[in-house]
C-alpha atoms as a PDB file:
ATOM      1  CA  MET A   1       0.000   0.000   0.000  1.00  0.00           C
ATOM      2  CA  ARG A   2       1.406   3.380  -1.015  1.00  0.00           C
ATOM      3  CA  THR A   3       0.494   5.798   1.754  1.00  0.00           C
ATOM      4  CA  LEU A   4       0.556   9.582   1.518  1.00  0.00           C
ATOM      5  CA  VAL A   5       0.462  11.873   4.556  1.00  0.00           C
ATOM      6  CA  VAL A   6      -1.005  15.307   3.814  1.00  0.00           C
ATOM      7  CA  LEU A   7       0.523  17.981   6.071  1.00  0.00           C
ATOM      8  CA  PRO A   8      -0.893  21.520   5.812  1.00  0.00           C
ATOM      9  CA  THR A   9       1.545  23.986   7.374  1.00  0.00           C
ATOM     10  CA  TYR A  10       1.563  27.581   8.501  1.00  0.00           C
ATOM     11  CA  ASN A  11       4.461  28.643  10.721  1.00  0.00           C
ATOM     12  CA  GLU A  12       5.606  25.129  11.616  1.00  0.00           C
ATOM     13  CA  ALA A  13       9.341  25.632  11.015  1.00  0.00           C
ATOM     14  CA  GLN A  14      10.181  24.283  14.468  1.00  0.00           C
ATOM     15  CA  ASN A  15       8.171  21.088  14.015  1.00  0.00           C
ATOM     16  CA  LEU A  16       8.413  20.158  10.348  1.00  0.00           C
ATOM     17  CA  PRO A  17      11.922  18.607  10.161  1.00  0.00           C
ATOM     18  CA  ARG A  18      11.299  16.212  13.047  1.00  0.00           C
ATOM     19  CA  MET A  19       7.772  15.384  11.888  1.00  0.00           C
ATOM     20  CA  VAL A  20       8.928  14.539   8.355  1.00  0.00           C
ATOM     21  CA  ALA A  21      11.815  12.456   9.710  1.00  0.00           C
ATOM     22  CA  GLU A  22       9.456  10.402  11.881  1.00  0.00           C
ATOM     23  CA  LEU A  23       6.992   9.905   9.034  1.00  0.00           C
ATOM     24  CA  LEU A  24       9.672   8.810   6.585  1.00  0.00           C
ATOM     25  CA  SER A  25      10.942   6.291   9.129  1.00  0.00           C
ATOM     26  CA  LEU A  26       7.512   4.647   8.851  1.00  0.00           C
ATOM     27  CA  GLY A  27       7.843   4.243   5.090  1.00  0.00           C
ATOM     28  CA  VAL A  28       5.123   6.697   4.068  1.00  0.00           C
ATOM     29  CA  HIS A  29       5.255   9.548   1.546  1.00  0.00           C
ATOM     30  CA  VAL A  30       4.702  13.140   2.661  1.00  0.00           C
ATOM     31  CA  LEU A  31       3.013  16.074   0.949  1.00  0.00           C
ATOM     32  CA  VAL A  32       3.590  19.450   2.620  1.00  0.00           C
ATOM     33  CA  ILE A  33       1.127  22.195   1.681  1.00  0.00           C
ATOM     34  CA  ASP A  34       2.500  25.496   2.930  1.00  0.00           C
ATOM     35  CA  ASP A  35       0.534  28.746   2.933  1.00  0.00           C
ATOM     36  CA  ASN A  36       3.495  31.093   2.509  1.00  0.00           C
ATOM     37  CA  SER A  37       4.536  30.819   6.163  1.00  0.00           C
ATOM     38  CA  PRO A  38       6.473  33.913   7.270  1.00  0.00           C
ATOM     39  CA  ASP A  39       8.695  31.805   9.551  1.00  0.00           C
ATOM     40  CA  GLY A  40      10.343  29.999   6.623  1.00  0.00           C
ATOM     41  CA  THR A  41       8.421  26.715   6.819  1.00  0.00           C
ATOM     42  CA  GLY A  42       8.149  26.640   3.017  1.00  0.00           C
ATOM     43  CA  GLN A  43      11.912  26.893   2.571  1.00  0.00           C
ATOM     44  CA  ILE A  44      12.470  24.099   5.078  1.00  0.00           C
ATOM     45  CA  ALA A  45       9.950  21.983   3.184  1.00  0.00           C
ATOM     46  CA  ASP A  46      11.865  22.580  -0.054  1.00  0.00           C
ATOM     47  CA  GLU A  47      15.098  21.514   1.633  1.00  0.00           C
ATOM     48  CA  LEU A  48      13.446  18.320   2.856  1.00  0.00           C
ATOM     49  CA  GLN A  49      12.172  17.628  -0.645  1.00  0.00           C
ATOM     50  CA  ALA A  50      15.661  18.133  -2.070  1.00  0.00           C
ATOM     51  CA  LYS A  51      17.006  15.667   0.490  1.00  0.00           C
ATOM     52  CA  HIS A  52      14.230  13.101  -0.066  1.00  0.00           C
ATOM     53  CA  PRO A  53      13.048  13.696  -3.660  1.00  0.00           C
ATOM     54  CA  THR A  54      11.149  10.430  -3.994  1.00  0.00           C
ATOM     55  CA  ALA A  55       9.337  10.622  -0.653  1.00  0.00           C
ATOM     56  CA  VAL A  56       8.617  14.310   0.035  1.00  0.00           C
ATOM     57  CA  ASN A  57       6.698  16.736  -2.152  1.00  0.00           C
ATOM     58  CA  VAL A  58       5.747  20.350  -1.518  1.00  0.00           C
ATOM     59  CA  ILE A  59       2.946  22.599  -2.710  1.00  0.00           C
ATOM     60  CA  HIS A  60       3.345  26.330  -2.083  1.00  0.00           C
ATOM     61  CA  ARG A  61       0.267  28.511  -1.894  1.00  0.00           C
ATOM     62  CA  ALA A  62       0.149  32.297  -2.111  1.00  0.00           C
ATOM     63  CA  GLY A  63      -1.134  32.912   1.400  1.00  0.00           C
ATOM     64  CA  LYS A  64      -3.230  31.637   4.288  1.00  0.00           C
ATOM     65  CA  LEU A  65      -6.109  30.104   2.332  1.00  0.00           C
ATOM     66  CA  GLY A  66      -7.595  27.871   5.011  1.00  0.00           C
ATOM     67  CA  LEU A  67      -7.219  24.354   6.327  1.00  0.00           C
ATOM     68  CA  GLY A  68     -10.091  22.960   4.292  1.00  0.00           C
ATOM     69  CA  THR A  69      -8.796  24.111   0.925  1.00  0.00           C
ATOM     70  CA  ALA A  70      -5.349  22.781   1.828  1.00  0.00           C
ATOM     71  CA  TYR A  71      -6.762  19.326   2.457  1.00  0.00           C
ATOM     72  CA  VAL A  72      -8.822  19.376  -0.733  1.00  0.00           C
ATOM     73  CA  THR A  73      -5.643  20.263  -2.641  1.00  0.00           C
ATOM     74  CA  GLY A  74      -3.832  17.410  -0.911  1.00  0.00           C
ATOM     75  CA  PHE A  75      -6.613  14.904  -1.545  1.00  0.00           C
ATOM     76  CA  LYS A  76      -6.693  15.748  -5.248  1.00  0.00           C
ATOM     77  CA  TYR A  77      -2.916  15.375  -5.404  1.00  0.00           C
ATOM     78  CA  ALA A  78      -3.141  11.984  -3.704  1.00  0.00           C
ATOM     79  CA  LEU A  79      -5.725  10.709  -6.173  1.00  0.00           C
ATOM     80  CA  ALA A  80      -3.780  12.041  -9.155  1.00  0.00           C
ATOM     81  CA  HIS A  81      -0.529  10.436  -8.003  1.00  0.00           C
ATOM     82  CA  GLY A  82      -1.779   6.956  -7.194  1.00  0.00           C
ATOM     83  CA  ALA A  83      -1.944   6.900  -3.390  1.00  0.00           C
ATOM     84  CA  ASP A  84      -3.789   3.864  -2.021  1.00  0.00           C
ATOM     85  CA  ALA A  85      -4.247   5.315   1.464  1.00  0.00           C
ATOM     86  CA  VAL A  86      -4.216   8.930   2.623  1.00  0.00           C
ATOM     87  CA  ILE A  87      -3.592  10.287   6.106  1.00  0.00           C
ATOM     88  CA  GLN A  88      -4.431  13.790   7.235  1.00  0.00           C
ATOM     89  CA  MET A  89      -2.799  15.042  10.416  1.00  0.00           C
ATOM     90  CA  ASP A  90      -1.361  18.091  12.139  1.00  0.00           C
ATOM     91  CA  ALA A  91       2.299  18.948  11.771  1.00  0.00           C
ATOM     92  CA  ASP A  92       2.714  20.026  15.406  1.00  0.00           C
ATOM     93  CA  PHE A  93       2.795  16.523  17.009  1.00  0.00           C
ATOM     94  CA  SER A  94      -0.692  16.875  18.458  1.00  0.00           C
ATOM     95  CA  HIS A  95      -1.195  13.668  16.469  1.00  0.00           C
ATOM     96  CA  SER A  96       1.598  11.228  17.145  1.00  0.00           C
ATOM     97  CA  PRO A  97       3.016   9.411  14.094  1.00  0.00           C
ATOM     98  CA  SER A  98       3.394   6.364  16.341  1.00  0.00           C
ATOM     99  CA  TYR A  99      -0.288   5.534  15.769  1.00  0.00           C
ATOM    100  CA  ILE A 100       0.151   5.103  12.021  1.00  0.00           C
ATOM    101  CA  PRO A 101       1.400   1.464  11.971  1.00  0.00           C
ATOM    102  CA  LYS A 102      -1.573   0.422  14.116  1.00  0.00           C
ATOM    103  CA  PHE A 103      -4.263   2.407  12.301  1.00  0.00           C
ATOM    104  CA  LEU A 104      -3.296   1.790   8.665  1.00  0.00           C
ATOM    105  CA  PRO A 105      -4.201  -1.932   8.649  1.00  0.00           C
ATOM    106  CA  LEU A 106      -7.715  -1.022   9.785  1.00  0.00           C
ATOM    107  CA  LEU A 107      -8.381   0.366   6.293  1.00  0.00           C
ATOM    108  CA  ALA A 108      -8.761  -3.238   5.191  1.00  0.00           C
ATOM    109  CA  GLU A 109     -12.048  -3.249   7.155  1.00  0.00           C
ATOM    110  CA  TYR A 110     -13.133   0.403   7.095  1.00  0.00           C
ATOM    111  CA  ASP A 111     -13.328   3.273   4.610  1.00  0.00           C
ATOM    112  CA  VAL A 112     -12.361   5.927   7.145  1.00  0.00           C
ATOM    113  CA  VAL A 113     -10.465   5.588  10.425  1.00  0.00           C
ATOM    114  CA  ILE A 114     -10.519   8.504  12.861  1.00  0.00           C
ATOM    115  CA  GLY A 115      -8.009   9.084  15.643  1.00  0.00           C
ATOM    116  CA  SER A 116     -10.484   9.961  18.377  1.00  0.00           C
ATOM    117  CA  ARG A 117     -10.057  11.883  21.606  1.00  0.00           C
ATOM    118  CA  TYR A 118     -13.571  11.095  22.781  1.00  0.00           C
ATOM    119  CA  THR A 119     -14.137   7.429  22.064  1.00  0.00           C
ATOM    120  CA  ASP A 120     -13.463   4.936  24.882  1.00  0.00           C
ATOM    121  CA  GLY A 121      -9.763   5.063  25.738  1.00  0.00           C
ATOM    122  CA  GLY A 122      -9.133   8.452  24.114  1.00  0.00           C
ATOM    123  CA  ARG A 123      -7.923  11.406  26.124  1.00  0.00           C
ATOM    124  CA  LEU A 124      -6.668  14.972  26.047  1.00  0.00           C
ATOM    125  CA  ASP A 125      -3.254  16.079  27.218  1.00  0.00           C
ATOM    126  CA  ASP A 126      -3.333  17.021  30.902  1.00  0.00           C
ATOM    127  CA  ARG A 127      -1.745  20.345  29.965  1.00  0.00           C
ATOM    128  CA  TRP A 128      -4.872  21.446  28.107  1.00  0.00           C
ATOM    129  CA  PRO A 129      -6.513  24.318  30.028  1.00  0.00           C
ATOM    130  CA  LEU A 130     -10.141  24.038  31.146  1.00  0.00           C
ATOM    131  CA  TRP A 131     -11.407  26.543  28.545  1.00  0.00           C
ATOM    132  CA  ARG A 132      -9.943  24.531  25.674  1.00  0.00           C
ATOM    133  CA  ARG A 133     -11.444  21.311  27.018  1.00  0.00           C
ATOM    134  CA  GLY A 134     -14.801  23.019  27.308  1.00  0.00           C
ATOM    135  CA  LEU A 135     -14.615  24.512  23.821  1.00  0.00           C
ATOM    136  CA  SER A 136     -13.642  21.199  22.229  1.00  0.00           C
ATOM    137  CA  GLY A 137     -16.254  19.215  24.126  1.00  0.00           C
ATOM    138  CA  PHE A 138     -19.008  21.715  23.359  1.00  0.00           C
ATOM    139  CA  GLY A 139     -18.044  21.867  19.686  1.00  0.00           C
ATOM    140  CA  ASN A 140     -18.330  18.117  19.321  1.00  0.00           C
ATOM    141  CA  TRP A 141     -21.632  17.962  21.201  1.00  0.00           C
ATOM    142  CA  TYR A 142     -23.041  20.843  19.156  1.00  0.00           C
ATOM    143  CA  ALA A 143     -22.061  19.309  15.797  1.00  0.00           C
ATOM    144  CA  ARG A 144     -23.332  15.845  16.754  1.00  0.00           C
ATOM    145  CA  THR A 145     -26.643  17.224  18.018  1.00  0.00           C
ATOM    146  CA  ILE A 146     -27.405  19.193  14.850  1.00  0.00           C
ATOM    147  CA  THR A 147     -26.177  16.683  12.276  1.00  0.00           C
ATOM    148  CA  GLY A 148     -27.036  13.440  14.060  1.00  0.00           C
ATOM    149  CA  LEU A 149     -23.535  12.119  13.434  1.00  0.00           C
ATOM    150  CA  PRO A 150     -22.841   8.906  15.408  1.00  0.00           C
ATOM    151  CA  ILE A 151     -19.170   9.885  15.723  1.00  0.00           C
ATOM    152  CA  ARG A 152     -17.725  10.888  19.075  1.00  0.00           C
ATOM    153  CA  ASP A 153     -14.918  13.094  17.718  1.00  0.00           C
ATOM    154  CA  VAL A 154     -16.345  14.891  14.695  1.00  0.00           C
ATOM    155  CA  THR A 155     -13.667  17.622  14.811  1.00  0.00           C
ATOM    156  CA  SER A 156     -10.678  15.290  14.866  1.00  0.00           C
ATOM    157  CA  GLY A 157      -8.052  16.198  12.289  1.00  0.00           C
ATOM    158  CA  PHE A 158      -6.301  12.823  12.449  1.00  0.00           C
ATOM    159  CA  ARG A 159      -7.895  10.657   9.779  1.00  0.00           C
ATOM    160  CA  PHE A 160      -7.099   7.767   7.456  1.00  0.00           C
ATOM    161  CA  TYR A 161      -8.888   7.248   4.143  1.00  0.00           C
ATOM    162  CA  THR A 162      -8.876   4.548   1.524  1.00  0.00           C
ATOM    163  CA  ARG A 163      -8.376   5.708  -2.032  1.00  0.00           C
ATOM    164  CA  GLN A 164     -11.911   4.612  -2.860  1.00  0.00           C
ATOM    165  CA  ALA A 165     -13.352   6.699  -0.027  1.00  0.00           C
ATOM    166  CA  LEU A 166     -11.551   9.852  -1.166  1.00  0.00           C
ATOM    167  CA  ALA A 167     -12.514   9.242  -4.792  1.00  0.00           C
ATOM    168  CA  GLY A 168     -16.163   9.125  -3.727  1.00  0.00           C
ATOM    169  CA  LEU A 169     -16.114  12.483  -1.946  1.00  0.00           C
ATOM    170  CA  PRO A 170     -17.501  15.526  -3.800  1.00  0.00           C
ATOM    171  CA  LEU A 171     -14.285  17.475  -3.240  1.00  0.00           C
ATOM    172  CA  ASP A 172     -15.315  20.424  -5.406  1.00  0.00           C
ATOM    173  CA  ARG A 173     -18.541  20.854  -3.443  1.00  0.00           C
ATOM    174  CA  LEU A 174     -16.941  21.078  -0.001  1.00  0.00           C
ATOM    175  CA  VAL A 175     -17.328  24.654   1.252  1.00  0.00           C
ATOM    176  CA  CYS A 176     -15.715  24.892   4.686  1.00  0.00           C
ATOM    177  CA  SER A 177     -12.257  26.437   4.753  1.00  0.00           C
ATOM    178  CA  GLY A 178     -11.512  26.373   8.487  1.00  0.00           C
ATOM    179  CA  TYR A 179     -11.775  23.692  11.152  1.00  0.00           C
ATOM    180  CA  ALA A 180     -15.422  23.137  10.240  1.00  0.00           C
ATOM    181  CA  PHE A 181     -13.992  21.236   7.279  1.00  0.00           C
ATOM    182  CA  GLN A 182     -13.443  18.265   9.596  1.00  0.00           C
ATOM    183  CA  ILE A 183     -17.133  18.206  10.500  1.00  0.00           C
ATOM    184  CA  GLU A 184     -18.213  18.629   6.891  1.00  0.00           C
ATOM    185  CA  VAL A 185     -16.120  15.726   5.620  1.00  0.00           C
ATOM    186  CA  ALA A 186     -17.258  13.486   8.472  1.00  0.00           C
ATOM    187  CA  TYR A 187     -20.887  14.337   7.706  1.00  0.00           C
ATOM    188  CA  VAL A 188     -20.471  13.689   3.979  1.00  0.00           C
ATOM    189  CA  CYS A 189     -18.764  10.354   4.676  1.00  0.00           C
ATOM    190  CA  TYR A 190     -21.643   9.411   6.979  1.00  0.00           C
ATOM    191  CA  ARG A 191     -24.269  10.423   4.420  1.00  0.00           C
ATOM    192  CA  LEU A 192     -22.466   8.371   1.761  1.00  0.00           C
ATOM    193  CA  GLY A 193     -22.713   5.303   3.979  1.00  0.00           C
ATOM    194  CA  TYR A 194     -18.976   4.871   4.480  1.00  0.00           C
ATOM    195  CA  ARG A 195     -17.720   2.447   7.104  1.00  0.00           C
ATOM    196  CA  ILE A 196     -16.293   4.814   9.731  1.00  0.00           C
ATOM    197  CA  HIS A 197     -14.310   3.627  12.729  1.00  0.00           C
ATOM    198  CA  GLU A 198     -12.863   5.561  15.684  1.00  0.00           C
ATOM    199  CA  GLU A 199      -9.644   4.487  17.384  1.00  0.00           C
ATOM    200  CA  PRO A 200      -8.606   6.133  20.667  1.00  0.00           C
ATOM    201  CA  ILE A 201      -5.662   8.516  20.779  1.00  0.00           C
ATOM    202  CA  THR A 202      -4.070  10.841  23.281  1.00  0.00           C
ATOM    203  CA  PHE A 203      -4.195  14.336  21.825  1.00  0.00           C
ATOM    204  CA  GLU A 204      -0.911  15.972  22.792  1.00  0.00           C
ATOM    205  CA  GLU A 205      -0.310  19.641  23.510  1.00  0.00           C
ATOM    206  CA  ARG A 206       2.076  21.139  20.967  1.00  0.00           C
ATOM    207  CA  GLU A 207       5.638  21.669  22.217  1.00  0.00           C
ATOM    208  CA  GLN A 208       6.685  24.246  19.610  1.00  0.00           C
ATOM    209  CA  GLY A 209       4.878  27.066  17.810  1.00  0.00           C
ATOM    210  CA  GLN A 210       1.423  28.535  18.392  1.00  0.00           C
ATOM    211  CA  SER A 211      -2.089  27.194  17.941  1.00  0.00           C
ATOM    212  CA  LYS A 212      -4.089  28.527  14.958  1.00  0.00           C
ATOM    213  CA  MET A 213      -7.447  28.359  16.780  1.00  0.00           C
ATOM    214  CA  SER A 214      -9.322  31.677  16.978  1.00  0.00           C
ATOM    215  CA  THR A 215     -12.775  33.012  17.850  1.00  0.00           C
ATOM    216  CA  LYS A 216     -13.445  33.587  14.148  1.00  0.00           C
ATOM    217  CA  ILE A 217     -12.745  29.930  13.370  1.00  0.00           C
ATOM    218  CA  MET A 218     -14.994  28.809  16.226  1.00  0.00           C
ATOM    219  CA  PHE A 219     -17.983  30.906  15.106  1.00  0.00           C
ATOM    220  CA  GLU A 220     -17.520  29.842  11.482  1.00  0.00           C
ATOM    221  CA  ALA A 221     -17.797  26.221  12.581  1.00  0.00           C
ATOM    222  CA  MET A 222     -21.005  26.922  14.520  1.00  0.00           C
ATOM    223  CA  TRP A 223     -22.967  28.346  11.580  1.00  0.00           C
ATOM    224  CA  ARG A 224     -21.375  26.078   9.019  1.00  0.00           C
ATOM    225  CA  VAL A 225     -22.856  23.055  10.802  1.00  0.00           C
ATOM    226  CA  TRP A 226     -26.355  24.293   9.927  1.00  0.00           C
ATOM    227  CA  GLN A 227     -25.271  24.910   6.343  1.00  0.00           C
ATOM    228  CA  MET A 228     -24.005  21.328   6.094  1.00  0.00           C
ATOM    229  CA  LYS A 229     -27.280  19.912   7.324  1.00  0.00           C
ATOM    230  CA  TRP A 230     -29.242  21.856   4.719  1.00  0.00           C
ATOM    231  CA  ARG A 231     -26.709  21.352   1.923  1.00  0.00           C
ATOM    232  CA  TYR A 232     -26.419  17.565   2.226  1.00  0.00           C
END
């Protein structure tokens, strides 16, 4: 199975070299999609590609165009270049690469595998402050209540897809650009009848760099959930 990891980046210069090294040690390919990071992440990505030309590829975008559009770009690249399995994950080590060898084989049984903080056995880093726990928990409850999704962690950004699952998604119809993209894709997968499975993970607090979460992103997700329900 040829596996591609899609890594959207914005100001991840401190994390990217170690993340790519750990991923390559697992025998996967890596696609970095950088939104013109001012901290030089794009240049670091180019250097990694030069060092590993058969395993690392880079797409540079003109600016900060949103997480959702980055993943759509990555998914289209994966389909065009023959990937059999595609992983989406954060570049800041919130999602540990160590889960990949365990989760990948599950794609023999399921169309989508989600690294879940809220299924049995999942947990959040103890360093997460109370307000972040509350925001994350409320966001998941809110999205599940409105959409009826039977998924515990609808906002998880750690996901594994079969090629067939990605090929069946209406990528050009997806409208969410921020973190609501995770909810939208989960809802579309559910509506398409995909076999979706959640595996527990520990969601780690990032060691380097700053979180991209903002009030604007949170409120976009809240109204986008209603749009999804009507749209699909």
